[in-house]
Amino acid sequence: MTAAASLFAILSTPIATQRQSRFKAVGILTIAVLITTLDTSVMTVTTPTVQKVFGASLQMLEWTTTIYALFFGATMLLWSRIGEVYGHRQIFVIGVFLFGAGSLLVGLAPSIGFMIGMRALQALGAAMVNPAAITLVALMFDETGRPFAYGVNSASASAGIALGYILGGFCAQYASWRWAFFINPAFCAVALWGAFRYIDPHLKPPDDKGIDITGAALSLVGLMLVTFGLVQGQTHGWWTTREPFSLFGMALALPLSVAPLSIALGTAALGVFTWFELALKRSGQRPLLDLTLFALPSVRWGGLDTFMRSVAQFALYYGLTLYLQNDGGMSALTAGLALVPIAVSSIFAIPVGGTLAIRFGTQRSVFIGLVVQAIGVLWLWWVIGPSLHLWSVLLPNLVFGLGVGMTNAQLTNVIMQDVPITRSADAAAAAATLRQIGYGIGAVSVGVILSSTPTALALDGYSRLTQGSAGMEDNVLFNLALLLASILFALLIPNRIPRKSLQKGTEGWHEPHVCLRGEG
């Protein structure tokens, strides 16, 4: 027996009691999702302190964020498929362990190079945790219980982004940036204990087919190249070379900037991946990602809304904290506190979204949440100006957070509502990948918007504060445009009212056929 097989055998041993506590399991899954998404944003606040400690160059500092986005977004499909074969709890447990170990080593990092490597280890763990958590919810709950369970799980991802700015700012200002990472292992220990106690190791659809290694390699290469190009475009140039690109210390003479070349090669790899996966499906084999799921309107339009909302959400968080620090003269902690209303109100909106879904349907719950978000963004656009104070953004952010909680509470449920249980892991991985890539593009969007608008205004002699507020206004309008488009796409999603389905076998299992009644 190989070492890997032995490890999976150990992790598959039931430690919990016969009757699982599903809601306690959701709490454990939520803790893990929260800390993994929290580290998507915590690094951006602690970057100035890390630069002083290590004396690192700007390019090296960018890699501390880039490497996390690369490995997080590019490996989720592979880990989701491995979970289908060996068990999603096993993958969840390994992911939590790797994330905790990576966090501890990041906090202990003696150099910037070591820190970058351990951020990659963190990201691998996060990529294992997120799709496994969504799939486990699908396997543990029937159609009545999923709205609330998905709501808690999804809202934790949004709250984690906001809380990352708060935690990073607090640690950088009052303790050490290292404590922003030392905190994670304690939560990981709780998640590991809870996973063994409350999550059934056998929760997975029956699957006797192997793993699509070729598809895994193509998706990994394609997503990493596209993500790398999007993240590095601001530094190296979006077409012509602004700054030479170095690989292993050697400068490469390229006819174009590395960003468009990387995006083009990545797009080509993803095109080959799409062709290969569809060919496997037609031949009756098991692809890494079942792309035929996107023929379902709920998956197609729900996935597009997930992506666009992630872009808008991260762009708003990131842009607002940068503006308050760089142009408002606030500390990292004070700027992070501006996002507290979003985190708090999104949590309180979870049961609201679930109630609306059960009463009126999942699509209508998502639609109402998107409208509330748009109102919050419109309010924020109205108060933005050179004399902006922290108190001015609290109420708009509170409204925005209510919309975030209501939407996130059901957007995952929308994507999963028409997917047979045997294909739930594919849909979960696709949703998590779209969300994470959206976060990366949101960060890139902020850089493009905030650099272009102030430059144009500087030519006319405007002050730095006026330039910053104008750039933030453009960022808010960009968010509003994305949300309005998301509202239109939400109208194309079939409305489903969840109702309870029959249970079979263990408490977590249910029939592999969707049991929903539709409206409209």
Protein backbone atom coordinates (compact mmCIF):
# COMPACT_ATOMS: atom_id res chain seq x y z
CA MET A 1 0.00 0.00 0.00
CA THR A 2 1.41 3.39 -0.97
CA ALA A 3 1.87 6.21 1.51
CA ALA A 4 -0.90 8.22 -0.17
CA ALA A 5 -3.33 5.27 0.03
CA SER A 6 -2.46 4.77 3.70
CA LEU A 7 -3.14 8.42 4.44
CA PHE A 8 -6.53 8.30 2.75
CA ALA A 9 -7.38 5.08 4.62
CA ILE A 10 -6.61 6.74 7.95
CA LEU A 11 -8.65 9.80 7.10
CA SER A 12 -11.58 7.63 6.01
CA THR A 13 -11.93 5.98 9.43
CA PRO A 14 -15.23 7.09 10.99
CA ILE A 15 -14.61 8.90 14.28
CA ALA A 16 -17.97 10.59 14.60
CA THR A 17 -21.05 9.01 16.10
CA GLN A 18 -23.49 7.19 13.82
CA ARG A 19 -25.90 10.11 13.65
CA GLN A 20 -24.21 13.21 12.23
CA SER A 21 -25.01 16.75 13.35
CA ARG A 22 -25.38 18.48 10.00
CA PHE A 23 -25.60 22.03 11.27
CA LYS A 24 -22.50 21.60 13.41
CA ALA A 25 -20.80 20.28 10.27
CA VAL A 26 -21.85 23.44 8.41
CA GLY A 27 -20.29 25.49 11.20
CA ILE A 28 -17.01 23.60 10.76
CA LEU A 29 -17.10 24.09 6.98
CA THR A 30 -17.84 27.78 7.49
CA ILE A 31 -14.81 28.29 9.74
CA ALA A 32 -12.53 26.75 7.11
CA VAL A 33 -13.99 28.75 4.21
CA LEU A 34 -13.81 31.96 6.25
CA ILE A 35 -10.10 31.70 7.06
CA THR A 36 -9.10 30.65 3.53
CA THR A 37 -10.91 33.60 1.90
CA LEU A 38 -9.72 35.94 4.65
CA ASP A 39 -6.14 35.43 3.48
CA THR A 40 -7.10 36.58 -0.01
CA SER A 41 -7.22 40.16 1.31
CA VAL A 42 -5.13 40.18 4.50
CA MET A 43 -1.87 40.36 2.54
CA THR A 44 -2.82 43.61 0.78
CA VAL A 45 -3.06 45.48 4.10
CA THR A 46 0.15 44.08 5.59
CA THR A 47 2.23 44.64 2.44
CA PRO A 48 3.86 47.97 3.53
CA THR A 49 5.01 46.40 6.81
CA VAL A 50 6.34 43.27 5.08
CA GLN A 51 8.31 45.45 2.67
CA LYS A 52 10.02 47.25 5.55
CA VAL A 53 10.85 44.03 7.39
CA PHE A 54 12.42 42.22 4.42
CA GLY A 55 13.55 45.20 2.35
CA ALA A 56 11.88 43.50 -0.60
CA SER A 57 11.38 44.94 -4.06
CA LEU A 58 7.89 45.83 -5.29
CA GLN A 59 7.98 42.93 -7.76
CA MET A 60 8.75 40.41 -5.01
CA LEU A 61 5.98 41.84 -2.86
CA GLU A 62 3.48 41.44 -5.69
CA TRP A 63 4.33 37.74 -5.81
CA THR A 64 3.12 37.26 -2.23
CA THR A 65 -0.40 38.04 -3.48
CA THR A 66 -0.01 36.68 -7.02
CA ILE A 67 1.18 33.22 -5.98
CA TYR A 68 -1.84 32.81 -3.70
CA ALA A 69 -4.26 33.74 -6.49
CA LEU A 70 -2.45 31.46 -8.97
CA PHE A 71 -2.51 28.27 -6.92
CA PHE A 72 -5.91 28.95 -5.37
CA GLY A 73 -7.76 29.59 -8.63
CA ALA A 74 -5.90 27.11 -10.82
CA THR A 75 -6.05 23.88 -8.80
CA MET A 76 -9.63 23.74 -7.48
CA LEU A 77 -10.94 21.65 -10.38
CA LEU A 78 -8.30 18.97 -9.79
CA TRP A 79 -8.88 18.73 -6.03
CA SER A 80 -12.63 18.58 -6.53
CA ARG A 81 -12.27 15.61 -8.86
CA ILE A 82 -9.89 13.84 -6.45
CA GLY A 83 -12.53 14.39 -3.75
CA GLU A 84 -15.08 12.59 -5.89
CA VAL A 85 -12.83 9.54 -6.09
CA TYR A 86 -11.40 9.40 -2.56
CA GLY A 87 -13.99 11.33 -0.53
CA HIS A 88 -14.63 15.03 -0.03
CA ARG A 89 -14.07 14.96 3.72
CA GLN A 90 -10.62 13.50 3.18
CA ILE A 91 -9.71 16.31 0.76
CA PHE A 92 -11.22 18.89 3.12
CA VAL A 93 -9.13 17.58 6.04
CA ILE A 94 -5.88 17.56 4.05
CA GLY A 95 -6.64 21.05 2.74
CA VAL A 96 -7.24 22.46 6.23
CA PHE A 97 -3.99 20.89 7.46
CA LEU A 98 -1.96 22.30 4.54
CA PHE A 99 -3.50 25.73 4.96
CA GLY A 100 -2.75 25.78 8.69
CA ALA A 101 0.83 24.58 8.17
CA GLY A 102 1.35 27.11 5.38
CA SER A 103 -0.01 29.93 7.55
CA LEU A 104 2.34 29.05 10.41
CA LEU A 105 5.33 28.95 8.06
CA VAL A 106 4.36 32.27 6.46
CA GLY A 107 4.33 33.84 9.91
CA LEU A 108 7.77 32.37 10.65
CA ALA A 109 9.22 33.33 7.24
CA PRO A 110 12.87 34.45 7.48
CA SER A 111 12.91 35.87 3.94
CA ILE A 112 10.55 37.10 1.24
CA GLY A 113 11.38 34.12 -1.00
CA PHE A 114 10.44 31.63 1.73
CA MET A 115 7.25 33.58 2.37
CA ILE A 116 6.23 33.37 -1.30
CA GLY A 117 6.73 29.59 -1.29
CA MET A 118 4.61 29.14 1.84
CA ARG A 119 1.87 31.35 0.39
CA ALA A 120 1.67 28.80 -2.44
CA LEU A 121 1.26 26.04 0.17
CA GLN A 122 -1.53 28.04 1.80
CA ALA A 123 -3.26 28.44 -1.55
CA LEU A 124 -3.11 24.70 -2.28
CA GLY A 125 -4.88 24.06 1.01
CA ALA A 126 -7.49 26.74 0.31
CA ALA A 127 -8.13 25.28 -3.16
CA MET A 128 -8.87 21.90 -1.57
CA VAL A 129 -11.15 23.30 1.14
CA ASN A 130 -13.54 25.52 -0.83
CA PRO A 131 -15.08 23.17 -3.45
CA ALA A 132 -15.12 20.33 -0.90
CA ALA A 133 -17.15 22.49 1.49
CA ILE A 134 -19.78 23.32 -1.14
CA THR A 135 -20.08 19.68 -2.26
CA LEU A 136 -20.39 18.40 1.31
CA VAL A 137 -23.30 20.78 1.90
CA ALA A 138 -25.01 19.40 -1.22
CA LEU A 139 -24.54 15.85 0.04
CA MET A 140 -25.66 16.50 3.62
CA PHE A 141 -28.84 18.50 2.99
CA ASP A 142 -32.02 18.13 0.98
CA GLU A 143 -33.62 20.97 -1.00
CA THR A 144 -35.25 22.51 2.10
CA GLY A 145 -32.07 22.67 4.17
CA ARG A 146 -29.69 23.82 1.45
CA PRO A 147 -30.78 27.51 1.26
CA PHE A 148 -29.68 28.18 4.83
CA ALA A 149 -26.61 25.92 4.67
CA TYR A 150 -25.38 27.42 1.40
CA GLY A 151 -26.10 30.87 2.77
CA VAL A 152 -23.90 30.39 5.82
CA ASN A 153 -21.12 28.85 3.74
CA SER A 154 -21.19 31.43 0.93
CA ALA A 155 -21.63 34.49 3.12
CA SER A 156 -18.56 33.42 5.09
CA ALA A 157 -16.53 33.74 1.89
CA SER A 158 -17.67 37.34 1.41
CA ALA A 159 -17.27 38.22 5.08
CA GLY A 160 -13.77 36.72 5.00
CA ILE A 161 -12.61 39.21 2.36
CA ALA A 162 -13.83 42.15 4.48
CA LEU A 163 -12.52 40.74 7.75
CA GLY A 164 -9.11 40.17 6.15
CA TYR A 165 -8.62 43.92 5.81
CA ILE A 166 -9.63 44.44 9.45
CA LEU A 167 -7.41 41.67 10.82
CA GLY A 168 -4.44 42.66 8.66
CA GLY A 169 -4.78 46.33 9.62
CA PHE A 170 -5.07 45.56 13.34
CA CYS A 171 -2.05 43.25 13.40
CA ALA A 172 0.08 45.60 11.31
CA GLN A 173 -0.74 48.57 13.55
CA TYR A 174 -0.79 47.08 17.05
CA ALA A 175 1.10 43.77 16.97
CA SER A 176 3.02 42.32 14.02
CA TRP A 177 2.02 41.36 10.51
CA ARG A 178 3.05 37.81 11.45
CA TRP A 179 0.10 37.48 13.84
CA ALA A 180 -2.31 37.85 10.94
CA PHE A 181 -1.06 34.39 9.91
CA PHE A 182 -0.36 32.89 13.36
CA ILE A 183 -4.08 33.08 14.15
CA ASN A 184 -5.02 30.68 11.34
CA PRO A 185 -3.58 27.43 12.78
CA ALA A 186 -5.82 27.69 15.85
CA PHE A 187 -8.95 27.88 13.68
CA CYS A 188 -7.60 25.08 11.49
CA ALA A 189 -7.22 22.87 14.56
CA VAL A 190 -10.90 23.46 15.43
CA ALA A 191 -11.91 22.72 11.83
CA LEU A 192 -9.91 19.46 11.82
CA TRP A 193 -11.44 18.30 15.11
CA GLY A 194 -14.94 19.15 13.88
CA ALA A 195 -14.42 17.47 10.51
CA PHE A 196 -13.51 14.15 12.14
CA ARG A 197 -16.36 14.43 14.63
CA TYR A 198 -19.26 15.74 12.55
CA ILE A 199 -18.61 15.00 8.85
CA ASP A 200 -19.22 11.53 7.44
CA PRO A 201 -16.07 10.36 5.57
CA HIS A 202 -18.21 8.39 3.11
CA LEU A 203 -20.20 11.38 1.85
CA LYS A 204 -19.54 11.21 -1.87
CA PRO A 205 -21.42 10.06 -4.96
CA PRO A 206 -20.40 6.55 -6.12
CA ASP A 207 -17.52 6.92 -8.58
CA ASP A 208 -15.37 4.11 -9.95
CA LYS A 209 -13.76 6.10 -12.77
CA GLY A 210 -10.24 7.48 -12.71
CA ILE A 211 -8.90 11.01 -12.71
CA ASP A 212 -8.49 12.95 -15.94
CA ILE A 213 -4.78 13.81 -15.66
CA THR A 214 -4.57 15.45 -19.11
CA GLY A 215 -7.53 17.70 -18.35
CA ALA A 216 -6.03 18.55 -14.96
CA ALA A 217 -2.73 19.59 -16.57
CA LEU A 218 -4.44 21.68 -19.28
CA SER A 219 -6.72 23.47 -16.80
CA LEU A 220 -3.85 24.08 -14.40
CA VAL A 221 -1.59 25.55 -17.09
CA GLY A 222 -4.40 27.58 -18.68
CA LEU A 223 -5.77 29.10 -15.48
CA MET A 224 -2.31 29.86 -14.09
CA LEU A 225 -1.21 31.61 -17.29
CA VAL A 226 -4.39 33.68 -17.55
CA THR A 227 -4.28 34.62 -13.86
CA PHE A 228 -0.58 35.47 -14.09
CA GLY A 229 -1.17 37.71 -17.11
CA LEU A 230 -4.04 39.57 -15.47
CA VAL A 231 -2.13 40.15 -12.25
CA GLN A 232 1.13 41.21 -13.94
CA GLY A 233 -0.36 43.46 -16.63
CA GLN A 234 -0.25 46.54 -14.42
CA THR A 235 3.46 46.04 -13.71
CA HIS A 236 4.80 44.82 -17.06
CA GLY A 237 2.33 46.57 -19.39
CA TRP A 238 -0.84 45.43 -21.09
CA TRP A 239 0.69 45.40 -24.60
CA THR A 240 4.17 46.91 -24.93
CA THR A 241 6.80 46.12 -22.32
CA ARG A 242 6.80 48.62 -19.49
CA GLU A 243 9.21 46.66 -17.30
CA PRO A 244 11.40 43.74 -18.46
CA PHE A 245 10.29 40.32 -17.31
CA SER A 246 12.87 38.18 -15.50
CA LEU A 247 12.74 34.41 -15.09
CA PHE A 248 15.13 32.85 -12.54
CA GLY A 249 17.14 36.06 -12.53
CA MET A 250 17.48 36.27 -16.33
CA ALA A 251 15.79 39.12 -18.23
CA LEU A 252 13.82 37.83 -21.23
CA ALA A 253 13.70 39.84 -24.47
CA LEU A 254 10.06 39.54 -25.57
CA PRO A 255 8.40 41.22 -28.58
CA LEU A 256 5.38 42.10 -26.41
CA SER A 257 4.72 42.47 -22.73
CA VAL A 258 4.61 39.18 -20.83
CA ALA A 259 0.99 39.91 -19.78
CA PRO A 260 -0.79 39.57 -23.17
CA LEU A 261 1.48 36.66 -24.16
CA SER A 262 0.60 34.85 -20.95
CA ILE A 263 -3.13 35.54 -21.35
CA ALA A 264 -3.07 34.38 -24.99
CA LEU A 265 -1.22 31.14 -24.18
CA GLY A 266 -3.50 30.50 -21.22
CA THR A 267 -6.62 31.10 -23.30
CA ALA A 268 -5.32 28.67 -25.94
CA ALA A 269 -4.67 26.03 -23.26
CA LEU A 270 -8.19 26.50 -21.88
CA GLY A 271 -9.56 26.14 -25.42
CA VAL A 272 -7.77 22.81 -25.80
CA PHE A 273 -9.03 21.85 -22.33
CA THR A 274 -12.62 22.57 -23.38
CA TRP A 275 -12.27 20.50 -26.56
CA PHE A 276 -10.64 17.62 -24.67
CA GLU A 277 -13.25 17.57 -21.89
CA LEU A 278 -16.16 17.53 -24.34
CA ALA A 279 -14.47 14.73 -26.32
CA LEU A 280 -14.11 12.66 -23.12
CA LYS A 281 -17.77 13.23 -22.30
CA ARG A 282 -18.88 12.13 -25.78
CA SER A 283 -16.81 8.95 -25.50
CA GLY A 284 -18.48 8.02 -22.19
CA GLN A 285 -15.41 8.69 -20.05
CA ARG A 286 -15.29 10.89 -16.94
CA PRO A 287 -13.86 14.38 -17.64
CA LEU A 288 -12.25 16.58 -15.00
CA LEU A 289 -15.09 19.10 -15.44
CA ASP A 290 -18.44 18.21 -16.95
CA LEU A 291 -18.85 21.26 -19.21
CA THR A 292 -22.29 20.08 -20.33
CA LEU A 293 -23.53 21.39 -16.97
CA PHE A 294 -23.37 24.89 -18.45
CA ALA A 295 -26.22 23.87 -20.74
CA LEU A 296 -28.39 24.28 -17.62
CA PRO A 297 -29.56 27.92 -17.43
CA SER A 298 -29.18 27.94 -13.66
CA VAL A 299 -25.50 26.93 -13.92
CA ARG A 300 -24.77 29.18 -16.91
CA TRP A 301 -26.34 32.41 -15.66
CA GLY A 302 -25.71 31.70 -11.99
CA GLY A 303 -22.03 31.09 -12.74
CA LEU A 304 -21.79 34.32 -14.72
CA ASP A 305 -23.40 36.23 -11.85
CA THR A 306 -20.97 34.61 -9.41
CA PHE A 307 -18.01 35.75 -11.49
CA MET A 308 -19.24 39.32 -12.06
CA ARG A 309 -20.24 39.81 -8.45
CA SER A 310 -16.85 38.61 -7.26
CA VAL A 311 -15.13 41.15 -9.52
CA ALA A 312 -17.37 43.96 -8.27
CA GLN A 313 -17.15 42.96 -4.61
CA PHE A 314 -13.37 42.68 -4.39
CA ALA A 315 -12.89 45.83 -6.45
CA LEU A 316 -15.09 47.76 -4.01
CA TYR A 317 -13.34 46.40 -0.92
CA TYR A 318 -9.84 46.86 -2.29
CA GLY A 319 -10.47 50.25 -3.90
CA LEU A 320 -12.14 51.71 -0.81
CA THR A 321 -9.38 50.64 1.60
CA LEU A 322 -6.70 52.00 -0.75
CA TYR A 323 -8.55 55.30 -1.12
CA LEU A 324 -9.10 55.77 2.61
CA GLN A 325 -5.41 55.06 3.33
CA ASN A 326 -3.67 56.78 0.44
CA ASP A 327 -5.97 59.77 -0.07
CA GLY A 328 -7.94 59.96 3.17
CA GLY A 329 -4.85 59.71 5.37
CA MET A 330 -6.34 56.90 7.51
CA SER A 331 -4.44 54.05 9.09
CA ALA A 332 -4.76 50.50 7.78
CA LEU A 333 -6.95 49.56 10.75
CA THR A 334 -9.27 52.56 10.37
CA ALA A 335 -9.68 51.85 6.67
CA GLY A 336 -10.42 48.22 7.48
CA LEU A 337 -13.10 49.28 9.98
CA ALA A 338 -15.01 50.85 7.10
CA LEU A 339 -15.77 47.31 5.96
CA VAL A 340 -17.14 46.13 9.32
CA PRO A 341 -20.76 47.01 8.40
CA ILE A 342 -20.46 44.84 5.27
CA ALA A 343 -19.22 41.83 7.23
CA VAL A 344 -21.80 42.22 10.02
CA SER A 345 -24.86 42.96 7.89
CA SER A 346 -24.03 40.18 5.40
CA ILE A 347 -24.11 37.65 8.24
CA PHE A 348 -27.46 38.95 9.53
CA ALA A 349 -28.87 38.80 5.99
CA ILE A 350 -28.26 35.05 5.67
CA PRO A 351 -31.60 33.95 7.18
CA VAL A 352 -33.37 36.66 5.19
CA GLY A 353 -32.05 35.20 1.94
CA GLY A 354 -32.96 31.69 3.01
CA THR A 355 -36.49 32.71 4.01
CA LEU A 356 -37.05 34.52 0.72
CA ALA A 357 -35.79 31.48 -1.22
CA ILE A 358 -38.09 29.04 0.57
CA ARG A 359 -41.08 31.35 0.24
CA PHE A 360 -40.62 32.96 -3.17
CA GLY A 361 -37.83 31.00 -4.88
CA THR A 362 -34.04 31.06 -5.17
CA GLN A 363 -33.89 33.31 -8.25
CA ARG A 364 -36.05 35.97 -6.63
CA SER A 365 -33.92 35.94 -3.50
CA VAL A 366 -30.78 36.51 -5.61
CA PHE A 367 -32.49 39.23 -7.64
CA ILE A 368 -33.60 41.15 -4.52
CA GLY A 369 -30.12 40.85 -3.01
CA LEU A 370 -28.48 42.24 -6.16
CA VAL A 371 -30.88 45.19 -6.19
CA VAL A 372 -30.06 45.96 -2.54
CA GLN A 373 -26.34 45.80 -3.36
CA ALA A 374 -26.82 48.22 -6.25
CA ILE A 375 -28.64 50.65 -3.92
CA GLY A 376 -25.69 50.52 -1.50
CA VAL A 377 -23.18 51.17 -4.29
CA LEU A 378 -25.29 54.06 -5.64
CA TRP A 379 -25.39 55.56 -2.15
CA LEU A 380 -21.61 55.21 -1.85
CA TRP A 381 -21.14 56.97 -5.19
CA TRP A 382 -23.28 59.85 -3.88
CA VAL A 383 -21.13 60.40 -0.73
CA ILE A 384 -17.69 59.98 -2.37
CA GLY A 385 -15.77 63.26 -2.48
CA PRO A 386 -12.51 65.00 -1.44
CA SER A 387 -13.84 65.54 2.11
CA LEU A 388 -14.91 61.93 2.67
CA HIS A 389 -14.94 60.72 6.29
CA LEU A 390 -15.15 57.22 7.69
CA TRP A 391 -18.67 57.82 9.01
CA SER A 392 -19.86 58.76 5.51
CA VAL A 393 -19.34 55.23 4.16
CA LEU A 394 -20.69 53.18 7.07
CA LEU A 395 -24.40 53.32 6.15
CA PRO A 396 -23.85 52.71 2.40
CA ASN A 397 -21.62 49.76 3.30
CA LEU A 398 -24.29 48.47 5.68
CA VAL A 399 -26.85 48.42 2.86
CA PHE A 400 -24.32 46.88 0.47
CA GLY A 401 -23.57 44.16 3.03
CA LEU A 402 -27.25 43.29 3.38
CA GLY A 403 -27.37 42.71 -0.36
CA VAL A 404 -24.14 40.67 -0.24
CA GLY A 405 -25.56 38.37 2.44
CA MET A 406 -28.91 37.91 0.69
CA THR A 407 -27.30 37.21 -2.67
CA ASN A 408 -24.49 34.98 -1.45
CA ALA A 409 -26.99 33.08 0.66
CA GLN A 410 -28.64 31.74 -2.48
CA LEU A 411 -26.30 32.18 -5.46
CA THR A 412 -24.57 28.88 -4.75
CA ASN A 413 -27.97 27.27 -4.27
CA VAL A 414 -29.05 28.67 -7.66
CA ILE A 415 -26.06 27.07 -9.39
CA MET A 416 -26.61 23.72 -7.67
CA GLN A 417 -30.42 23.60 -7.83
CA ASP A 418 -30.76 21.71 -11.14
CA VAL A 419 -27.54 19.68 -10.87
CA PRO A 420 -27.93 15.94 -10.11
CA ILE A 421 -26.17 14.95 -6.91
CA THR A 422 -23.74 12.75 -8.85
CA ARG A 423 -22.42 15.85 -10.62
CA SER A 424 -22.47 18.23 -7.65
CA ALA A 425 -18.67 18.29 -7.28
CA ASP A 426 -18.27 19.60 -10.85
CA ALA A 427 -20.71 22.43 -10.22
CA ALA A 428 -19.15 23.25 -6.85
CA ALA A 429 -15.64 23.42 -8.32
CA ALA A 430 -16.80 25.59 -11.21
CA ALA A 431 -18.54 28.02 -8.83
CA ALA A 432 -15.52 28.26 -6.52
CA THR A 433 -13.13 28.75 -9.45
CA LEU A 434 -15.26 31.50 -10.99
CA ARG A 435 -15.45 33.27 -7.63
CA GLN A 436 -11.70 33.15 -7.00
CA ILE A 437 -10.76 34.28 -10.52
CA GLY A 438 -13.28 37.09 -10.08
CA TYR A 439 -11.43 38.27 -6.98
CA GLY A 440 -8.18 38.41 -8.94
CA ILE A 441 -9.70 40.38 -11.78
CA GLY A 442 -11.33 42.72 -9.25
CA ALA A 443 -7.91 43.59 -7.84
CA VAL A 444 -6.53 44.15 -11.34
CA SER A 445 -9.51 46.38 -12.20
CA VAL A 446 -8.82 48.64 -9.24
CA GLY A 447 -5.22 49.11 -10.34
CA VAL A 448 -6.26 50.02 -13.87
CA ILE A 449 -9.03 52.43 -12.81
CA LEU A 450 -7.15 54.20 -10.03
CA SER A 451 -4.05 54.67 -12.18
CA SER A 452 -5.77 55.93 -15.32
CA THR A 453 -8.22 58.49 -13.87
CA PRO A 454 -5.77 60.36 -11.60
CA THR A 455 -3.23 60.52 -14.43
CA ALA A 456 -5.74 62.25 -16.68
CA LEU A 457 -6.74 64.70 -13.95
CA ALA A 458 -3.13 65.46 -12.99
CA LEU A 459 -2.60 66.96 -16.44
CA ASP A 460 -5.24 69.56 -15.56
CA GLY A 461 -3.57 70.50 -12.28
CA TYR A 462 -6.01 68.90 -9.85
CA SER A 463 -4.86 68.08 -6.31
CA ARG A 464 -3.98 64.55 -5.20
CA LEU A 465 -7.12 64.36 -3.03
CA THR A 466 -9.36 65.34 -5.94
CA GLN A 467 -7.60 62.84 -8.17
CA GLY A 468 -8.13 60.08 -5.62
CA SER A 469 -11.83 60.81 -5.13
CA ALA A 470 -12.36 60.92 -8.90
CA GLY A 471 -10.63 57.55 -9.27
CA MET A 472 -12.78 56.12 -6.48
CA GLU A 473 -15.92 57.46 -8.15
CA ASP A 474 -14.94 55.65 -11.35
CA ASN A 475 -14.32 52.48 -9.35
CA VAL A 476 -17.79 52.75 -7.76
CA LEU A 477 -19.42 53.35 -11.16
CA PHE A 478 -17.58 50.29 -12.49
CA ASN A 479 -19.08 48.28 -9.63
CA LEU A 480 -22.54 49.67 -10.33
CA ALA A 481 -22.31 48.70 -14.01
CA LEU A 482 -21.33 45.13 -13.10
CA LEU A 483 -24.18 44.85 -10.61
CA LEU A 484 -26.73 46.16 -13.11
CA ALA A 485 -25.54 43.57 -15.63
CA SER A 486 -25.76 40.89 -12.90
CA ILE A 487 -29.37 41.93 -12.21
CA LEU A 488 -30.23 41.46 -15.88
CA PHE A 489 -28.53 38.03 -15.97
CA ALA A 490 -30.39 37.04 -12.80
CA LEU A 491 -33.67 37.48 -14.69
CA LEU A 492 -32.58 34.59 -16.95
CA ILE A 493 -32.15 32.15 -14.04
CA PRO A 494 -35.06 29.71 -13.56
CA ASN A 495 -36.88 30.31 -10.29
CA ARG A 496 -37.12 27.26 -8.02
CA ILE A 497 -38.87 26.91 -4.67
CA PRO A 498 -37.04 24.27 -2.63
CA ARG A 499 -39.05 21.49 -1.08
CA LYS A 500 -37.96 18.55 1.01
CA SER A 501 -36.77 15.46 -0.81
CA LEU A 502 -36.70 11.85 0.37
CA GLN A 503 -33.71 10.68 2.37
CA LYS A 504 -32.06 7.36 1.66
CA GLY A 505 -29.52 5.34 3.57
CA THR A 506 -27.43 7.57 5.81
CA GLU A 507 -28.78 10.86 7.05
CA GLY A 508 -26.75 12.88 4.58
CA TRP A 509 -27.76 11.00 1.42
CA HIS A 510 -30.69 11.77 -0.85
CA GLU A 511 -31.93 10.69 -4.24
CA PRO A 512 -29.70 11.76 -7.15
CA HIS A 513 -32.62 13.43 -8.92
CA VAL A 514 -33.46 17.08 -8.41
CA CYS A 515 -36.75 17.42 -6.57
CA LEU A 516 -37.93 20.97 -7.10
CA ARG A 517 -41.03 22.72 -8.23
CA GLY A 518 -40.50 25.60 -10.59
CA GLU A 519 -42.09 28.96 -11.04
CA GLY A 520 -41.99 31.31 -13.99
